Amino acid sequence: MKIELEQFRQHPSIYPFVGENYNKARKKIFVVGESHYFNNENNIIDNTSWYDLSDSEFVEKMNIKEGTDWFNTEKIVRDIQNKYNLDMNVERSKKLIWIIPRCMYEVKYGKIPSKKQTCEQIKEIGFFNFFSRPMYRVGKTLNVTKRDKEAANKKFDFIINQYKPDLIIFLSKKAYYALDDKQKMNRNILSLHHPAYYAGWSYQKNDSSFNRAKMAIQNLYKR
């Protein structure tokens, strides 16, 4: 059932992805990314263009031939699942969606999963990007405004209260630092580096984001 919030009515593209096995999962995990990115190099996304227009109006104004597909959260995750089921590779920029399911599998079974096995783990998570407004380009970060932060915290609170995860994993320090302190109270939250920061996800370092994620998931499963 779709959840209702003004942001979602205006931008249905930012509905969270919720795997079909999320509610049946041993423990519920939500992964929080940073934001989508803007594919059209001829335009700049300003606050007015994003927050004051609907998805369809925004696409028309910015002349985006791909429509809303490139910033539709659920479609992006489903596309990754479809590719993994066909044993295909996905873009490096999509790593933040599959890296935690991979950690989950390694904790459960003690070995690296295949693409299809990772796909099965994706079915157990929830995912959304903290900031609603997309980035300017692939590899570029968002210049966070007051409006961005307010909208993001309202969306976060609504989604988390709706789905009540046992563990929330932030894959962006920028997103976590923009989270209001009151949102962090009485919630099991782990803040990790963005997967694009390769050194932070080194398998060899005990304190790497990869190993911290596995430890948090392992501790969660012990409860």
C-alpha atoms as a PDB file:
ATOM      1  CA  MET A   1       0.000   0.000   0.000  1.00  0.00           C
ATOM      2  CA  LYS A   2       1.393   3.400  -0.950  1.00  0.00           C
ATOM      3  CA  ILE A   3       2.081   5.726   1.940  1.00  0.00           C
ATOM      4  CA  GLU A   4       0.750   9.263   1.849  1.00  0.00           C
ATOM      5  CA  LEU A   5       2.807  12.405   2.324  1.00  0.00           C
ATOM      6  CA  GLU A   6       2.680  15.593   0.286  1.00  0.00           C
ATOM      7  CA  GLN A   7       6.163  14.930  -1.104  1.00  0.00           C
ATOM      8  CA  PHE A   8       5.041  11.539  -2.403  1.00  0.00           C
ATOM      9  CA  ARG A   9       1.876  12.905  -3.967  1.00  0.00           C
ATOM     10  CA  GLN A  10       3.941  15.530  -5.779  1.00  0.00           C
ATOM     11  CA  HIS A  11       6.841  13.182  -6.553  1.00  0.00           C
ATOM     12  CA  PRO A  12       5.673   9.545  -6.628  1.00  0.00           C
ATOM     13  CA  SER A  13       9.101   8.735  -8.086  1.00  0.00           C
ATOM     14  CA  ILE A  14      10.666   9.019  -4.603  1.00  0.00           C
ATOM     15  CA  TYR A  15       8.516   6.361  -2.950  1.00  0.00           C
ATOM     16  CA  PRO A  16      10.821   4.003  -1.084  1.00  0.00           C
ATOM     17  CA  PHE A  17      11.594   0.602  -2.490  1.00  0.00           C
ATOM     18  CA  VAL A  18      10.297  -2.099  -0.134  1.00  0.00           C
ATOM     19  CA  GLY A  19      11.260  -5.663  -1.000  1.00  0.00           C
ATOM     20  CA  GLU A  20       8.534  -8.269  -1.273  1.00  0.00           C
ATOM     21  CA  ASN A  21      10.049 -10.207   1.631  1.00  0.00           C
ATOM     22  CA  TYR A  22      10.679  -7.196   3.871  1.00  0.00           C
ATOM     23  CA  ASN A  23       7.809  -7.921   6.250  1.00  0.00           C
ATOM     24  CA  LYS A  24       8.756 -11.617   6.431  1.00  0.00           C
ATOM     25  CA  ALA A  25      12.462 -10.947   7.005  1.00  0.00           C
ATOM     26  CA  ARG A  26      14.169 -12.273  10.112  1.00  0.00           C
ATOM     27  CA  LYS A  27      15.091  -8.676  10.952  1.00  0.00           C
ATOM     28  CA  LYS A  28      13.987  -5.590   9.027  1.00  0.00           C
ATOM     29  CA  ILE A  29      16.716  -3.419   7.509  1.00  0.00           C
ATOM     30  CA  PHE A  30      16.321  -0.100   5.709  1.00  0.00           C
ATOM     31  CA  VAL A  31      19.178   1.306   3.655  1.00  0.00           C
ATOM     32  CA  VAL A  32      19.354   5.084   3.204  1.00  0.00           C
ATOM     33  CA  GLY A  33      21.351   6.528   0.312  1.00  0.00           C
ATOM     34  CA  GLU A  34      22.162  10.144  -0.476  1.00  0.00           C
ATOM     35  CA  SER A  35      20.246  11.246  -3.577  1.00  0.00           C
ATOM     36  CA  HIS A  36      19.590  10.459  -7.206  1.00  0.00           C
ATOM     37  CA  TYR A  37      21.665  12.253  -9.824  1.00  0.00           C
ATOM     38  CA  PHE A  38      20.766  14.372 -12.812  1.00  0.00           C
ATOM     39  CA  ASN A  39      21.521  12.853 -16.224  1.00  0.00           C
ATOM     40  CA  ASN A  40      20.827  15.904 -18.360  1.00  0.00           C
ATOM     41  CA  GLU A  41      24.036  17.969 -18.594  1.00  0.00           C
ATOM     42  CA  ASN A  42      22.282  20.941 -20.147  1.00  0.00           C
ATOM     43  CA  ASN A  43      20.272  21.874 -17.084  1.00  0.00           C
ATOM     44  CA  ILE A  44      20.760  22.632 -13.417  1.00  0.00           C
ATOM     45  CA  ILE A  45      18.316  21.479 -10.774  1.00  0.00           C
ATOM     46  CA  ASP A  46      17.462  24.363  -8.475  1.00  0.00           C
ATOM     47  CA  ASN A  47      15.120  24.223  -5.511  1.00  0.00           C
ATOM     48  CA  THR A  48      12.256  25.861  -7.363  1.00  0.00           C
ATOM     49  CA  SER A  49      12.446  23.444 -10.279  1.00  0.00           C
ATOM     50  CA  TRP A  50      12.287  20.394  -8.024  1.00  0.00           C
ATOM     51  CA  TYR A  51      10.144  21.287  -5.007  1.00  0.00           C
ATOM     52  CA  ASP A  52       7.576  23.470  -6.741  1.00  0.00           C
ATOM     53  CA  LEU A  53       6.833  21.140  -9.648  1.00  0.00           C
ATOM     54  CA  SER A  54       5.357  17.665  -9.892  1.00  0.00           C
ATOM     55  CA  ASP A  55       7.311  14.828 -11.491  1.00  0.00           C
ATOM     56  CA  SER A  56       5.600  15.289 -14.840  1.00  0.00           C
ATOM     57  CA  GLU A  57       5.958  19.091 -14.755  1.00  0.00           C
ATOM     58  CA  PHE A  58       9.626  18.799 -13.832  1.00  0.00           C
ATOM     59  CA  VAL A  59      10.329  16.366 -16.675  1.00  0.00           C
ATOM     60  CA  GLU A  60       8.577  18.648 -19.146  1.00  0.00           C
ATOM     61  CA  LYS A  61      10.327  21.813 -17.957  1.00  0.00           C
ATOM     62  CA  MET A  62      13.770  20.196 -18.011  1.00  0.00           C
ATOM     63  CA  ASN A  63      13.090  18.418 -21.325  1.00  0.00           C
ATOM     64  CA  ILE A  64      14.129  15.032 -19.944  1.00  0.00           C
ATOM     65  CA  LYS A  65      13.596  12.461 -22.671  1.00  0.00           C
ATOM     66  CA  GLU A  66      14.007   9.535 -20.252  1.00  0.00           C
ATOM     67  CA  GLY A  67      10.959  10.730 -18.308  1.00  0.00           C
ATOM     68  CA  THR A  68      11.017   9.967 -14.603  1.00  0.00           C
ATOM     69  CA  ASP A  69      12.750   6.579 -14.957  1.00  0.00           C
ATOM     70  CA  TRP A  70      16.195   7.852 -13.998  1.00  0.00           C
ATOM     71  CA  PHE A  71      15.036   9.166 -10.593  1.00  0.00           C
ATOM     72  CA  ASN A  72      12.316   6.613  -9.822  1.00  0.00           C
ATOM     73  CA  THR A  73      13.649   4.776  -6.764  1.00  0.00           C
ATOM     74  CA  GLU A  74      11.599   1.618  -7.082  1.00  0.00           C
ATOM     75  CA  LYS A  75      12.230   1.254 -10.810  1.00  0.00           C
ATOM     76  CA  ILE A  76      15.987   1.672 -10.341  1.00  0.00           C
ATOM     77  CA  VAL A  77      16.104  -1.104  -7.735  1.00  0.00           C
ATOM     78  CA  ARG A  78      13.867  -3.377  -9.822  1.00  0.00           C
ATOM     79  CA  ASP A  79      16.142  -2.859 -12.815  1.00  0.00           C
ATOM     80  CA  ILE A  80      19.126  -3.985 -10.721  1.00  0.00           C
ATOM     81  CA  GLN A  81      17.206  -7.081  -9.641  1.00  0.00           C
ATOM     82  CA  ASN A  82      16.322  -7.896 -13.235  1.00  0.00           C
ATOM     83  CA  LYS A  83      19.943  -7.552 -14.359  1.00  0.00           C
ATOM     84  CA  TYR A  84      21.217  -9.684 -11.485  1.00  0.00           C
ATOM     85  CA  ASN A  85      18.682 -12.391 -12.291  1.00  0.00           C
ATOM     86  CA  LEU A  86      20.173 -12.439 -15.798  1.00  0.00           C
ATOM     87  CA  ASP A  87      23.709 -12.500 -14.325  1.00  0.00           C
ATOM     88  CA  MET A  88      24.426  -9.056 -15.759  1.00  0.00           C
ATOM     89  CA  ASN A  89      26.604  -6.347 -14.236  1.00  0.00           C
ATOM     90  CA  VAL A  90      25.228  -3.016 -13.000  1.00  0.00           C
ATOM     91  CA  GLU A  91      26.793   0.447 -12.904  1.00  0.00           C
ATOM     92  CA  ARG A  92      29.215   1.217 -10.083  1.00  0.00           C
ATOM     93  CA  SER A  93      26.995   4.126  -9.075  1.00  0.00           C
ATOM     94  CA  LYS A  94      24.336   1.573  -8.055  1.00  0.00           C
ATOM     95  CA  LYS A  95      26.655  -0.117  -5.539  1.00  0.00           C
ATOM     96  CA  LEU A  96      24.907   1.511  -2.589  1.00  0.00           C
ATOM     97  CA  ILE A  97      21.799  -0.557  -3.387  1.00  0.00           C
ATOM     98  CA  TRP A  98      23.429  -3.998  -3.503  1.00  0.00           C
ATOM     99  CA  ILE A  99      26.326  -3.671  -1.040  1.00  0.00           C
ATOM    100  CA  ILE A 100      24.228  -4.193   2.128  1.00  0.00           C
ATOM    101  CA  PRO A 101      22.310  -7.195   0.705  1.00  0.00           C
ATOM    102  CA  ARG A 102      25.704  -8.684  -0.096  1.00  0.00           C
ATOM    103  CA  CYS A 103      26.805  -8.111   3.523  1.00  0.00           C
ATOM    104  CA  MET A 104      23.584  -9.745   4.721  1.00  0.00           C
ATOM    105  CA  TYR A 105      24.272 -12.847   2.641  1.00  0.00           C
ATOM    106  CA  GLU A 106      27.873 -13.125   3.846  1.00  0.00           C
ATOM    107  CA  VAL A 107      26.712 -12.902   7.470  1.00  0.00           C
ATOM    108  CA  LYS A 108      24.069 -15.583   6.933  1.00  0.00           C
ATOM    109  CA  TYR A 109      26.045 -18.047   4.834  1.00  0.00           C
ATOM    110  CA  GLY A 110      29.726 -17.180   5.301  1.00  0.00           C
ATOM    111  CA  LYS A 111      30.506 -16.771   1.613  1.00  0.00           C
ATOM    112  CA  ILE A 112      30.308 -14.200  -1.168  1.00  0.00           C
ATOM    113  CA  PRO A 113      26.929 -14.313  -2.951  1.00  0.00           C
ATOM    114  CA  SER A 114      26.323 -14.673  -6.645  1.00  0.00           C
ATOM    115  CA  LYS A 115      24.353 -11.962  -8.420  1.00  0.00           C
ATOM    116  CA  LYS A 116      21.143 -14.028  -8.142  1.00  0.00           C
ATOM    117  CA  GLN A 117      21.742 -14.626  -4.431  1.00  0.00           C
ATOM    118  CA  THR A 118      22.300 -10.896  -3.917  1.00  0.00           C
ATOM    119  CA  CYS A 119      19.035 -10.291  -5.750  1.00  0.00           C
ATOM    120  CA  GLU A 120      17.231 -12.521  -3.259  1.00  0.00           C
ATOM    121  CA  GLN A 121      18.653 -10.501  -0.374  1.00  0.00           C
ATOM    122  CA  ILE A 122      17.495  -7.244  -1.967  1.00  0.00           C
ATOM    123  CA  LYS A 123      13.965  -8.575  -1.545  1.00  0.00           C
ATOM    124  CA  GLU A 124      14.400  -8.312   2.241  1.00  0.00           C
ATOM    125  CA  ILE A 125      15.407  -4.647   2.489  1.00  0.00           C
ATOM    126  CA  GLY A 126      13.835  -1.246   2.174  1.00  0.00           C
ATOM    127  CA  PHE A 127      15.685   1.543   0.367  1.00  0.00           C
ATOM    128  CA  PHE A 128      15.311   5.258  -0.261  1.00  0.00           C
ATOM    129  CA  ASN A 129      17.542   8.260  -0.793  1.00  0.00           C
ATOM    130  CA  PHE A 130      17.597  10.717   2.096  1.00  0.00           C
ATOM    131  CA  PHE A 131      17.548  13.851  -0.056  1.00  0.00           C
ATOM    132  CA  SER A 132      14.618  14.115  -2.429  1.00  0.00           C
ATOM    133  CA  ARG A 133      16.166  16.572  -4.857  1.00  0.00           C
ATOM    134  CA  PRO A 134      18.624  14.909  -7.266  1.00  0.00           C
ATOM    135  CA  MET A 135      22.305  15.796  -7.597  1.00  0.00           C
ATOM    136  CA  TYR A 136      23.559  17.783 -10.565  1.00  0.00           C
ATOM    137  CA  ARG A 137      25.708  15.077 -12.179  1.00  0.00           C
ATOM    138  CA  VAL A 138      26.969  11.563 -11.596  1.00  0.00           C
ATOM    139  CA  GLY A 139      29.791  11.790  -9.075  1.00  0.00           C
ATOM    140  CA  LYS A 140      28.829  15.280  -7.891  1.00  0.00           C
ATOM    141  CA  THR A 141      27.467  15.929  -4.429  1.00  0.00           C
ATOM    142  CA  LEU A 142      24.450  18.005  -3.468  1.00  0.00           C
ATOM    143  CA  ASN A 143      24.805  21.507  -2.076  1.00  0.00           C
ATOM    144  CA  VAL A 144      22.364  21.013   0.777  1.00  0.00           C
ATOM    145  CA  THR A 145      19.977  23.866   1.498  1.00  0.00           C
ATOM    146  CA  LYS A 146      17.637  24.416   4.419  1.00  0.00           C
ATOM    147  CA  ARG A 147      14.743  23.325   2.235  1.00  0.00           C
ATOM    148  CA  ASP A 148      16.553  20.115   1.250  1.00  0.00           C
ATOM    149  CA  LYS A 149      17.217  19.266   4.896  1.00  0.00           C
ATOM    150  CA  GLU A 150      13.677  19.995   6.085  1.00  0.00           C
ATOM    151  CA  ALA A 151      12.112  17.920   3.314  1.00  0.00           C
ATOM    152  CA  ALA A 152      14.560  15.066   3.878  1.00  0.00           C
ATOM    153  CA  ASN A 153      13.925  14.858   7.619  1.00  0.00           C
ATOM    154  CA  LYS A 154      10.174  14.934   7.159  1.00  0.00           C
ATOM    155  CA  LYS A 155      10.375  12.139   4.592  1.00  0.00           C
ATOM    156  CA  PHE A 156      12.741  10.086   6.762  1.00  0.00           C
ATOM    157  CA  ASP A 157      10.494  10.335   9.817  1.00  0.00           C
ATOM    158  CA  PHE A 158       7.429   9.357   7.821  1.00  0.00           C
ATOM    159  CA  ILE A 159       9.007   6.326   6.144  1.00  0.00           C
ATOM    160  CA  ILE A 160      10.708   4.985   9.270  1.00  0.00           C
ATOM    161  CA  ASN A 161       7.544   5.310  11.352  1.00  0.00           C
ATOM    162  CA  GLN A 162       5.629   3.528   8.613  1.00  0.00           C
ATOM    163  CA  TYR A 163       7.966   0.550   8.159  1.00  0.00           C
ATOM    164  CA  LYS A 164       9.627   0.352  11.603  1.00  0.00           C
ATOM    165  CA  PRO A 165      12.985  -1.216  10.652  1.00  0.00           C
ATOM    166  CA  ASP A 166      15.166  -2.915  13.257  1.00  0.00           C
ATOM    167  CA  LEU A 167      18.285  -1.367  11.710  1.00  0.00           C
ATOM    168  CA  ILE A 168      18.763   1.737   9.571  1.00  0.00           C
ATOM    169  CA  ILE A 169      21.999   1.916   7.579  1.00  0.00           C
ATOM    170  CA  PHE A 170      23.069   5.277   6.150  1.00  0.00           C
ATOM    171  CA  LEU A 171      25.397   4.972   3.161  1.00  0.00           C
ATOM    172  CA  SER A 172      26.248   8.668   3.142  1.00  0.00           C
ATOM    173  CA  LYS A 173      27.928  10.733   5.829  1.00  0.00           C
ATOM    174  CA  LYS A 174      26.449  13.872   4.284  1.00  0.00           C
ATOM    175  CA  ALA A 175      22.939  12.464   4.637  1.00  0.00           C
ATOM    176  CA  TYR A 176      23.532  11.280   8.199  1.00  0.00           C
ATOM    177  CA  TYR A 177      24.951  14.645   9.283  1.00  0.00           C
ATOM    178  CA  ALA A 178      21.820  16.323   7.873  1.00  0.00           C
ATOM    179  CA  LEU A 179      19.590  14.075   9.981  1.00  0.00           C
ATOM    180  CA  ASP A 180      18.086  15.978  12.929  1.00  0.00           C
ATOM    181  CA  ASP A 181      19.257  14.796  16.343  1.00  0.00           C
ATOM    182  CA  LYS A 182      15.681  14.057  17.420  1.00  0.00           C
ATOM    183  CA  GLN A 183      15.407  11.591  14.520  1.00  0.00           C
ATOM    184  CA  LYS A 184      18.368   9.646  15.912  1.00  0.00           C
ATOM    185  CA  MET A 185      16.786   9.077  19.323  1.00  0.00           C
ATOM    186  CA  ASN A 186      15.635   5.524  20.156  1.00  0.00           C
ATOM    187  CA  ARG A 187      16.578   4.264  16.696  1.00  0.00           C
ATOM    188  CA  ASN A 188      19.225   1.711  15.734  1.00  0.00           C
ATOM    189  CA  ILE A 189      21.207   3.672  13.140  1.00  0.00           C
ATOM    190  CA  LEU A 190      24.560   2.879  11.562  1.00  0.00           C
ATOM    191  CA  SER A 191      26.348   5.615   9.607  1.00  0.00           C
ATOM    192  CA  LEU A 192      28.817   4.422   6.941  1.00  0.00           C
ATOM    193  CA  HIS A 193      30.834   5.938   4.117  1.00  0.00           C
ATOM    194  CA  HIS A 194      29.287   6.305   0.692  1.00  0.00           C
ATOM    195  CA  PRO A 195      30.276   3.221  -1.361  1.00  0.00           C
ATOM    196  CA  ALA A 196      31.952   5.529  -3.886  1.00  0.00           C
ATOM    197  CA  TYR A 197      34.658   6.063  -1.244  1.00  0.00           C
ATOM    198  CA  TYR A 198      36.519   2.867  -2.044  1.00  0.00           C
ATOM    199  CA  ALA A 199      39.121   3.152   0.739  1.00  0.00           C
ATOM    200  CA  GLY A 200      36.343   3.276   3.318  1.00  0.00           C
ATOM    201  CA  TRP A 201      34.944  -0.029   2.060  1.00  0.00           C
ATOM    202  CA  SER A 202      38.190  -2.014   2.029  1.00  0.00           C
ATOM    203  CA  TYR A 203      37.611  -5.639   2.973  1.00  0.00           C
ATOM    204  CA  GLN A 204      41.037  -5.797   4.606  1.00  0.00           C
ATOM    205  CA  LYS A 205      40.493  -3.066   7.207  1.00  0.00           C
ATOM    206  CA  ASN A 206      38.757  -4.172  10.404  1.00  0.00           C
ATOM    207  CA  ASP A 207      37.112  -0.774  10.845  1.00  0.00           C
ATOM    208  CA  SER A 208      36.027  -0.420   7.209  1.00  0.00           C
ATOM    209  CA  SER A 209      32.405   0.312   6.371  1.00  0.00           C
ATOM    210  CA  PHE A 210      32.112  -3.175   4.881  1.00  0.00           C
ATOM    211  CA  ASN A 211      33.164  -4.902   8.093  1.00  0.00           C
ATOM    212  CA  ARG A 212      31.207  -2.502  10.304  1.00  0.00           C
ATOM    213  CA  ALA A 213      28.082  -3.280   8.272  1.00  0.00           C
ATOM    214  CA  LYS A 214      28.641  -7.023   8.631  1.00  0.00           C
ATOM    215  CA  MET A 215      29.191  -6.680  12.387  1.00  0.00           C
ATOM    216  CA  ALA A 216      26.014  -4.626  12.849  1.00  0.00           C
ATOM    217  CA  ILE A 217      23.970  -7.144  10.840  1.00  0.00           C
ATOM    218  CA  GLN A 218      25.508 -10.042  12.742  1.00  0.00           C
ATOM    219  CA  ASN A 219      24.640  -8.420  16.082  1.00  0.00           C
ATOM    220  CA  LEU A 220      21.126  -7.704  14.835  1.00  0.00           C
ATOM    221  CA  TYR A 221      20.560 -11.348  13.898  1.00  0.00           C
ATOM    222  CA  LYS A 222      21.688 -12.467  17.351  1.00  0.00           C
ATOM    223  CA  ARG A 223      18.820 -10.622  19.038  1.00  0.00           C
END
